[in-house]
Amino acid sequence: MAGDIVFELKGACAGYNGRPVLFDIDLTVRASERVAVMGRSGAGKSTLLGLLYAQRPADVALVPQASALVKPLSVFHNVYMGRLDRHSTVYNLRTLVWPAACRVVEVRAVLASVGLEGEIFNAAGALSGGQQQRTSVARALYNGRPILIGDEPVSALDRVQGADVLSRLKERHETIVLALHDVHHALEHADRVVVLEHGRKVIDEPSRKLTANDLLRHFGGEP
């Protein structure tokens, strides 16, 4: 239901190998919100997304920062992995060798939405970096769960391609939390922007109340 709490952090702290990364983070994300998380490299964006994902992994389609593709396998199989848990092991093994026509049609349609339908049976490892990123996005779209968490899902794309991919994600997923580095994308495609600085939340405002300069002074980047 719109407005219900999807994620909630209260005074959250996190770190790796004894090194603190996030400090005293309060954050609530409600259903149907589209939240952009921004900040310099090392500010804690990926760690924050990880905390959110851990709360509801069964409800989340994930676009990791590294595309996390199985590069020897085809683009089809990498996208199909978005629904591995919805089928039996036997069915999935059969699909590895002899995909059902209906699955090929489904995956081809998703790939068409990100401009990759022609690559469906090519090895994922043969794609460019931007194409691999779009394959990872297609996997999340095919997954179809209502919540999307994406860690720099359009960082390898130009601004026009990135805007198109973000539009596709918004069409498919009800609630979205994305780490982004592009100010234009954040203000255009999110209705709320959270900025981290040295592991602390320094901005949490509706995007309509922010300007590019408000964001750039905290982490830099292109206006």
C-alpha atoms as a PDB file:
ATOM      1  CA  MET A   1       0.000   0.000   0.000  1.00  0.00           C
ATOM      2  CA  ALA A   2       1.287   3.460  -0.895  1.00  0.00           C
ATOM      3  CA  GLY A   3       2.802   5.182   2.113  1.00  0.00           C
ATOM      4  CA  ASP A   4       3.615   1.993   4.036  1.00  0.00           C
ATOM      5  CA  ILE A   5       7.162   1.784   5.396  1.00  0.00           C
ATOM      6  CA  VAL A   6       9.354  -0.368   3.150  1.00  0.00           C
ATOM      7  CA  PHE A   7      12.751   0.240   4.786  1.00  0.00           C
ATOM      8  CA  GLU A   8      13.652   1.782   8.118  1.00  0.00           C
ATOM      9  CA  LEU A   9      17.002   2.479   9.739  1.00  0.00           C
ATOM     10  CA  LYS A  10      17.368   4.044  13.177  1.00  0.00           C
ATOM     11  CA  GLY A  11      20.801   5.100  14.339  1.00  0.00           C
ATOM     12  CA  ALA A  12      22.369   2.570  11.988  1.00  0.00           C
ATOM     13  CA  CYS A  13      26.141   2.175  11.962  1.00  0.00           C
ATOM     14  CA  ALA A  14      28.162  -0.148   9.776  1.00  0.00           C
ATOM     15  CA  GLY A  15      31.733  -0.870   8.794  1.00  0.00           C
ATOM     16  CA  TYR A  16      34.124  -3.357   7.228  1.00  0.00           C
ATOM     17  CA  ASN A  17      37.218  -5.023   8.692  1.00  0.00           C
ATOM     18  CA  GLY A  18      36.969  -2.881  11.786  1.00  0.00           C
ATOM     19  CA  ARG A  19      36.741   0.333   9.793  1.00  0.00           C
ATOM     20  CA  PRO A  20      33.559   2.360  10.381  1.00  0.00           C
ATOM     21  CA  VAL A  21      31.728   3.419   7.212  1.00  0.00           C
ATOM     22  CA  LEU A  22      28.290   4.656   8.294  1.00  0.00           C
ATOM     23  CA  PHE A  23      27.459   6.585  11.432  1.00  0.00           C
ATOM     24  CA  ASP A  24      24.089   7.046  13.131  1.00  0.00           C
ATOM     25  CA  ILE A  25      21.925   6.845  10.014  1.00  0.00           C
ATOM     26  CA  ASP A  26      18.179   7.427  10.358  1.00  0.00           C
ATOM     27  CA  LEU A  27      16.315   6.661   7.145  1.00  0.00           C
ATOM     28  CA  THR A  28      12.752   5.687   6.291  1.00  0.00           C
ATOM     29  CA  VAL A  29      11.666   4.749   2.774  1.00  0.00           C
ATOM     30  CA  ARG A  30       7.968   4.393   2.049  1.00  0.00           C
ATOM     31  CA  ALA A  31       6.180   2.504  -0.692  1.00  0.00           C
ATOM     32  CA  SER A  32       6.155   4.295  -4.066  1.00  0.00           C
ATOM     33  CA  GLU A  33       9.076   6.569  -3.148  1.00  0.00           C
ATOM     34  CA  ARG A  34      11.953   7.009  -5.560  1.00  0.00           C
ATOM     35  CA  VAL A  35      15.076   7.841  -3.587  1.00  0.00           C
ATOM     36  CA  ALA A  36      18.483   8.827  -4.960  1.00  0.00           C
ATOM     37  CA  VAL A  37      21.475   8.280  -2.680  1.00  0.00           C
ATOM     38  CA  MET A  38      24.450  10.472  -3.537  1.00  0.00           C
ATOM     39  CA  GLY A  39      27.898  11.271  -2.221  1.00  0.00           C
ATOM     40  CA  ARG A  40      31.592  11.056  -2.983  1.00  0.00           C
ATOM     41  CA  SER A  41      33.288   7.711  -3.500  1.00  0.00           C
ATOM     42  CA  GLY A  42      33.703   6.120  -0.086  1.00  0.00           C
ATOM     43  CA  ALA A  43      30.873   8.103   1.489  1.00  0.00           C
ATOM     44  CA  GLY A  44      28.982   4.885   2.343  1.00  0.00           C
ATOM     45  CA  LYS A  45      26.413   4.653  -0.447  1.00  0.00           C
ATOM     46  CA  SER A  46      26.953   0.965  -1.233  1.00  0.00           C
ATOM     47  CA  THR A  47      27.002   0.097   2.463  1.00  0.00           C
ATOM     48  CA  LEU A  48      23.712   1.914   2.975  1.00  0.00           C
ATOM     49  CA  LEU A  49      22.107   0.064   0.079  1.00  0.00           C
ATOM     50  CA  GLY A  50      23.370  -3.195   1.542  1.00  0.00           C
ATOM     51  CA  LEU A  51      21.670  -2.467   4.862  1.00  0.00           C
ATOM     52  CA  LEU A  52      18.393  -1.770   3.078  1.00  0.00           C
ATOM     53  CA  TYR A  53      18.613  -4.871   0.906  1.00  0.00           C
ATOM     54  CA  ALA A  54      19.237  -7.055   3.961  1.00  0.00           C
ATOM     55  CA  GLN A  55      15.878  -6.003   5.404  1.00  0.00           C
ATOM     56  CA  ARG A  56      13.788  -7.374   2.517  1.00  0.00           C
ATOM     57  CA  PRO A  57      15.846  -9.467   0.101  1.00  0.00           C
ATOM     58  CA  ALA A  58      12.827 -11.500  -1.047  1.00  0.00           C
ATOM     59  CA  ASP A  59      11.056  -8.332  -2.236  1.00  0.00           C
ATOM     60  CA  VAL A  60      13.955  -6.629  -3.990  1.00  0.00           C
ATOM     61  CA  ALA A  61      15.272  -6.682  -7.541  1.00  0.00           C
ATOM     62  CA  LEU A  62      18.935  -5.744  -7.316  1.00  0.00           C
ATOM     63  CA  VAL A  63      21.290  -4.019  -9.744  1.00  0.00           C
ATOM     64  CA  PRO A  64      24.745  -4.362  -8.149  1.00  0.00           C
ATOM     65  CA  GLN A  65      27.512  -1.872  -8.826  1.00  0.00           C
ATOM     66  CA  ALA A  66      29.589  -4.483 -10.627  1.00  0.00           C
ATOM     67  CA  SER A  67      27.220  -5.968 -13.171  1.00  0.00           C
ATOM     68  CA  ALA A  68      27.718  -9.435 -11.606  1.00  0.00           C
ATOM     69  CA  LEU A  69      27.179 -11.276 -14.866  1.00  0.00           C
ATOM     70  CA  VAL A  70      28.278 -14.822 -15.635  1.00  0.00           C
ATOM     71  CA  LYS A  71      30.328 -13.746 -18.618  1.00  0.00           C
ATOM     72  CA  PRO A  72      30.717 -17.100 -20.432  1.00  0.00           C
ATOM     73  CA  LEU A  73      26.930 -17.470 -20.514  1.00  0.00           C
ATOM     74  CA  SER A  74      24.656 -15.742 -22.994  1.00  0.00           C
ATOM     75  CA  VAL A  75      22.843 -12.493 -22.365  1.00  0.00           C
ATOM     76  CA  PHE A  76      19.620 -14.543 -22.359  1.00  0.00           C
ATOM     77  CA  HIS A  77      20.809 -16.754 -19.512  1.00  0.00           C
ATOM     78  CA  ASN A  78      22.109 -13.820 -17.480  1.00  0.00           C
ATOM     79  CA  VAL A  79      18.739 -12.070 -17.706  1.00  0.00           C
ATOM     80  CA  TYR A  80      16.835 -15.305 -17.037  1.00  0.00           C
ATOM     81  CA  MET A  81      18.750 -15.577 -13.741  1.00  0.00           C
ATOM     82  CA  GLY A  82      16.505 -12.829 -12.443  1.00  0.00           C
ATOM     83  CA  ARG A  83      13.824 -15.499 -12.002  1.00  0.00           C
ATOM     84  CA  LEU A  84      15.864 -18.585 -11.134  1.00  0.00           C
ATOM     85  CA  ASP A  85      14.163 -18.902  -7.761  1.00  0.00           C
ATOM     86  CA  ARG A  86      10.720 -19.069  -9.376  1.00  0.00           C
ATOM     87  CA  HIS A  87      11.434 -22.382 -11.119  1.00  0.00           C
ATOM     88  CA  SER A  88      12.640 -25.824 -10.107  1.00  0.00           C
ATOM     89  CA  THR A  89      16.276 -26.872 -10.407  1.00  0.00           C
ATOM     90  CA  VAL A  90      15.349 -29.321 -13.155  1.00  0.00           C
ATOM     91  CA  TYR A  91      13.578 -26.594 -15.142  1.00  0.00           C
ATOM     92  CA  ASN A  92      16.520 -24.228 -14.744  1.00  0.00           C
ATOM     93  CA  LEU A  93      19.001 -26.872 -15.893  1.00  0.00           C
ATOM     94  CA  ARG A  94      16.853 -27.587 -18.928  1.00  0.00           C
ATOM     95  CA  THR A  95      16.715 -23.863 -19.690  1.00  0.00           C
ATOM     96  CA  LEU A  96      20.507 -23.728 -19.603  1.00  0.00           C
ATOM     97  CA  VAL A  97      20.606 -26.119 -22.573  1.00  0.00           C
ATOM     98  CA  TRP A  98      17.233 -25.734 -24.276  1.00  0.00           C
ATOM     99  CA  PRO A  99      15.291 -22.595 -23.297  1.00  0.00           C
ATOM    100  CA  ALA A 100      11.530 -22.734 -23.698  1.00  0.00           C
ATOM    101  CA  ALA A 101      10.269 -20.496 -26.488  1.00  0.00           C
ATOM    102  CA  CYS A 102       8.075 -18.547 -24.067  1.00  0.00           C
ATOM    103  CA  ARG A 103      11.092 -17.663 -21.912  1.00  0.00           C
ATOM    104  CA  VAL A 104      13.030 -16.479 -24.941  1.00  0.00           C
ATOM    105  CA  VAL A 105      10.102 -14.246 -25.910  1.00  0.00           C
ATOM    106  CA  GLU A 106       9.920 -12.815 -22.360  1.00  0.00           C
ATOM    107  CA  VAL A 107      13.629 -12.105 -22.129  1.00  0.00           C
ATOM    108  CA  ARG A 108      13.828 -10.686 -25.658  1.00  0.00           C
ATOM    109  CA  ALA A 109      11.058  -8.202 -24.791  1.00  0.00           C
ATOM    110  CA  VAL A 110      12.934  -7.027 -21.693  1.00  0.00           C
ATOM    111  CA  LEU A 111      16.177  -6.722 -23.635  1.00  0.00           C
ATOM    112  CA  ALA A 112      14.366  -4.696 -26.295  1.00  0.00           C
ATOM    113  CA  SER A 113      13.409  -2.182 -23.610  1.00  0.00           C
ATOM    114  CA  VAL A 114      17.114  -1.480 -22.974  1.00  0.00           C
ATOM    115  CA  GLY A 115      18.198  -1.753 -26.612  1.00  0.00           C
ATOM    116  CA  LEU A 116      19.883  -5.148 -26.431  1.00  0.00           C
ATOM    117  CA  GLU A 117      17.490  -7.528 -28.176  1.00  0.00           C
ATOM    118  CA  GLY A 118      20.074  -8.194 -30.868  1.00  0.00           C
ATOM    119  CA  GLU A 119      22.572  -9.452 -28.278  1.00  0.00           C
ATOM    120  CA  ILE A 120      20.297 -12.060 -26.699  1.00  0.00           C
ATOM    121  CA  PHE A 121      22.393 -15.115 -27.558  1.00  0.00           C
ATOM    122  CA  ASN A 122      25.820 -13.474 -27.473  1.00  0.00           C
ATOM    123  CA  ALA A 123      28.137 -14.163 -24.550  1.00  0.00           C
ATOM    124  CA  ALA A 124      27.806 -11.528 -21.843  1.00  0.00           C
ATOM    125  CA  GLY A 125      31.579 -11.250 -21.632  1.00  0.00           C
ATOM    126  CA  ALA A 126      31.753 -10.100 -25.261  1.00  0.00           C
ATOM    127  CA  LEU A 127      29.671  -6.995 -24.542  1.00  0.00           C
ATOM    128  CA  SER A 128      30.975  -3.506 -23.874  1.00  0.00           C
ATOM    129  CA  GLY A 129      30.872  -2.157 -20.336  1.00  0.00           C
ATOM    130  CA  GLY A 130      27.725  -0.167 -21.044  1.00  0.00           C
ATOM    131  CA  GLN A 131      26.023  -3.172 -22.614  1.00  0.00           C
ATOM    132  CA  GLN A 132      26.926  -5.324 -19.626  1.00  0.00           C
ATOM    133  CA  GLN A 133      25.404  -2.716 -17.340  1.00  0.00           C
ATOM    134  CA  ARG A 134      22.211  -2.688 -19.395  1.00  0.00           C
ATOM    135  CA  THR A 135      22.138  -6.494 -19.202  1.00  0.00           C
ATOM    136  CA  SER A 136      22.277  -6.232 -15.417  1.00  0.00           C
ATOM    137  CA  VAL A 137      19.415  -3.729 -15.535  1.00  0.00           C
ATOM    138  CA  ALA A 138      17.444  -6.073 -17.811  1.00  0.00           C
ATOM    139  CA  ARG A 139      17.914  -8.866 -15.261  1.00  0.00           C
ATOM    140  CA  ALA A 140      16.366  -6.662 -12.573  1.00  0.00           C
ATOM    141  CA  LEU A 141      13.514  -5.698 -14.893  1.00  0.00           C
ATOM    142  CA  TYR A 142      12.875  -9.364 -15.652  1.00  0.00           C
ATOM    143  CA  ASN A 143      12.976 -10.127 -11.945  1.00  0.00           C
ATOM    144  CA  GLY A 144       9.932  -7.891 -11.616  1.00  0.00           C
ATOM    145  CA  ARG A 145       9.817  -7.580  -7.831  1.00  0.00           C
ATOM    146  CA  PRO A 146       8.125  -4.393  -6.602  1.00  0.00           C
ATOM    147  CA  ILE A 147      11.213  -2.845  -4.964  1.00  0.00           C
ATOM    148  CA  LEU A 148      14.387  -1.981  -6.846  1.00  0.00           C
ATOM    149  CA  ILE A 149      17.765  -1.241  -5.299  1.00  0.00           C
ATOM    150  CA  GLY A 150      20.426  -0.145  -7.772  1.00  0.00           C
ATOM    151  CA  ASP A 151      24.049   0.730  -7.076  1.00  0.00           C
ATOM    152  CA  GLU A 152      25.108   3.147  -9.832  1.00  0.00           C
ATOM    153  CA  PRO A 153      22.955   1.325 -12.407  1.00  0.00           C
ATOM    154  CA  VAL A 154      23.683   3.803 -15.234  1.00  0.00           C
ATOM    155  CA  SER A 155      27.244   4.884 -14.440  1.00  0.00           C
ATOM    156  CA  ALA A 156      28.639   3.376 -17.687  1.00  0.00           C
ATOM    157  CA  LEU A 157      25.993   5.024 -19.889  1.00  0.00           C
ATOM    158  CA  ASP A 158      25.813   8.482 -21.376  1.00  0.00           C
ATOM    159  CA  ARG A 159      23.202  10.837 -19.987  1.00  0.00           C
ATOM    160  CA  VAL A 160      20.602  10.112 -22.686  1.00  0.00           C
ATOM    161  CA  GLN A 161      20.958   6.330 -22.381  1.00  0.00           C
ATOM    162  CA  GLY A 162      20.982   6.609 -18.608  1.00  0.00           C
ATOM    163  CA  ALA A 163      17.783   8.632 -18.564  1.00  0.00           C
ATOM    164  CA  ASP A 164      16.083   6.067 -20.785  1.00  0.00           C
ATOM    165  CA  VAL A 165      17.135   3.175 -18.546  1.00  0.00           C
ATOM    166  CA  LEU A 166      16.008   5.007 -15.409  1.00  0.00           C
ATOM    167  CA  SER A 167      12.627   5.610 -17.022  1.00  0.00           C
ATOM    168  CA  ARG A 168      12.295   1.876 -17.698  1.00  0.00           C
ATOM    169  CA  LEU A 169      13.125   1.070 -14.089  1.00  0.00           C
ATOM    170  CA  LYS A 170      10.525   3.549 -12.847  1.00  0.00           C
ATOM    171  CA  GLU A 171       7.890   1.992 -15.097  1.00  0.00           C
ATOM    172  CA  ARG A 172       8.528  -1.521 -13.773  1.00  0.00           C
ATOM    173  CA  HIS A 173       9.214  -1.047 -10.049  1.00  0.00           C
ATOM    174  CA  GLU A 174       6.962   0.587  -7.492  1.00  0.00           C
ATOM    175  CA  THR A 175       9.631   1.653  -4.981  1.00  0.00           C
ATOM    176  CA  ILE A 176      13.187   2.549  -5.987  1.00  0.00           C
ATOM    177  CA  VAL A 177      16.394   3.359  -4.109  1.00  0.00           C
ATOM    178  CA  LEU A 178      19.360   4.165  -6.349  1.00  0.00           C
ATOM    179  CA  ALA A 179      22.906   5.264  -5.702  1.00  0.00           C
ATOM    180  CA  LEU A 180      23.580   7.834  -8.420  1.00  0.00           C
ATOM    181  CA  HIS A 181      26.495  10.089  -9.297  1.00  0.00           C
ATOM    182  CA  ASP A 182      24.752  12.310 -11.866  1.00  0.00           C
ATOM    183  CA  VAL A 183      22.993  15.343 -10.406  1.00  0.00           C
ATOM    184  CA  HIS A 184      20.684  15.679 -13.408  1.00  0.00           C
ATOM    185  CA  HIS A 185      19.510  12.079 -13.086  1.00  0.00           C
ATOM    186  CA  ALA A 186      18.904  12.472  -9.358  1.00  0.00           C
ATOM    187  CA  LEU A 187      16.833  15.630  -9.684  1.00  0.00           C
ATOM    188  CA  GLU A 188      14.949  14.397 -12.748  1.00  0.00           C
ATOM    189  CA  HIS A 189      14.187  10.807 -11.769  1.00  0.00           C
ATOM    190  CA  ALA A 190      14.006  10.768  -7.959  1.00  0.00           C
ATOM    191  CA  ASP A 191      11.415  12.460  -5.800  1.00  0.00           C
ATOM    192  CA  ARG A 192      13.802  12.500  -2.841  1.00  0.00           C
ATOM    193  CA  VAL A 193      17.567  12.876  -2.539  1.00  0.00           C
ATOM    194  CA  VAL A 194      19.762  11.634   0.299  1.00  0.00           C
ATOM    195  CA  VAL A 195      23.390  12.795   0.398  1.00  0.00           C
ATOM    196  CA  LEU A 196      26.061  11.076   2.470  1.00  0.00           C
ATOM    197  CA  GLU A 197      29.313  12.719   3.505  1.00  0.00           C
ATOM    198  CA  HIS A 198      31.981  10.827   5.422  1.00  0.00           C
ATOM    199  CA  GLY A 199      29.415   8.214   6.392  1.00  0.00           C
ATOM    200  CA  ARG A 200      26.840  10.631   7.722  1.00  0.00           C
ATOM    201  CA  LYS A 201      23.592  11.848   6.210  1.00  0.00           C
ATOM    202  CA  VAL A 202      23.866  15.547   5.391  1.00  0.00           C
ATOM    203  CA  ILE A 203      20.860  15.995   3.075  1.00  0.00           C
ATOM    204  CA  ASP A 204      17.496  14.247   2.994  1.00  0.00           C
ATOM    205  CA  GLU A 205      15.081  16.408   1.047  1.00  0.00           C
ATOM    206  CA  PRO A 206      12.442  16.239  -1.693  1.00  0.00           C
ATOM    207  CA  SER A 207      14.196  16.767  -5.021  1.00  0.00           C
ATOM    208  CA  ARG A 208      11.848  19.647  -5.885  1.00  0.00           C
ATOM    209  CA  LYS A 209      13.425  21.642  -3.042  1.00  0.00           C
ATOM    210  CA  LEU A 210      16.992  21.111  -4.268  1.00  0.00           C
ATOM    211  CA  THR A 211      19.134  22.567  -7.022  1.00  0.00           C
ATOM    212  CA  ALA A 212      22.200  21.151  -8.739  1.00  0.00           C
ATOM    213  CA  ASN A 213      24.388  23.542  -6.756  1.00  0.00           C
ATOM    214  CA  ASP A 214      22.905  22.311  -3.472  1.00  0.00           C
ATOM    215  CA  LEU A 215      24.171  18.845  -4.327  1.00  0.00           C
ATOM    216  CA  LEU A 216      27.437  19.693  -6.050  1.00  0.00           C
ATOM    217  CA  ARG A 217      28.841  21.541  -3.095  1.00  0.00           C
ATOM    218  CA  HIS A 218      28.753  18.307  -1.085  1.00  0.00           C
ATOM    219  CA  PHE A 219      30.331  15.852  -3.484  1.00  0.00           C
ATOM    220  CA  GLY A 220      31.243  17.458  -6.768  1.00  0.00           C
ATOM    221  CA  GLY A 221      30.393  16.120 -10.197  1.00  0.00           C
ATOM    222  CA  GLU A 222      28.956  17.530 -13.393  1.00  0.00           C
ATOM    223  CA  PRO A 223      25.932  19.891 -13.256  1.00  0.00           C
END
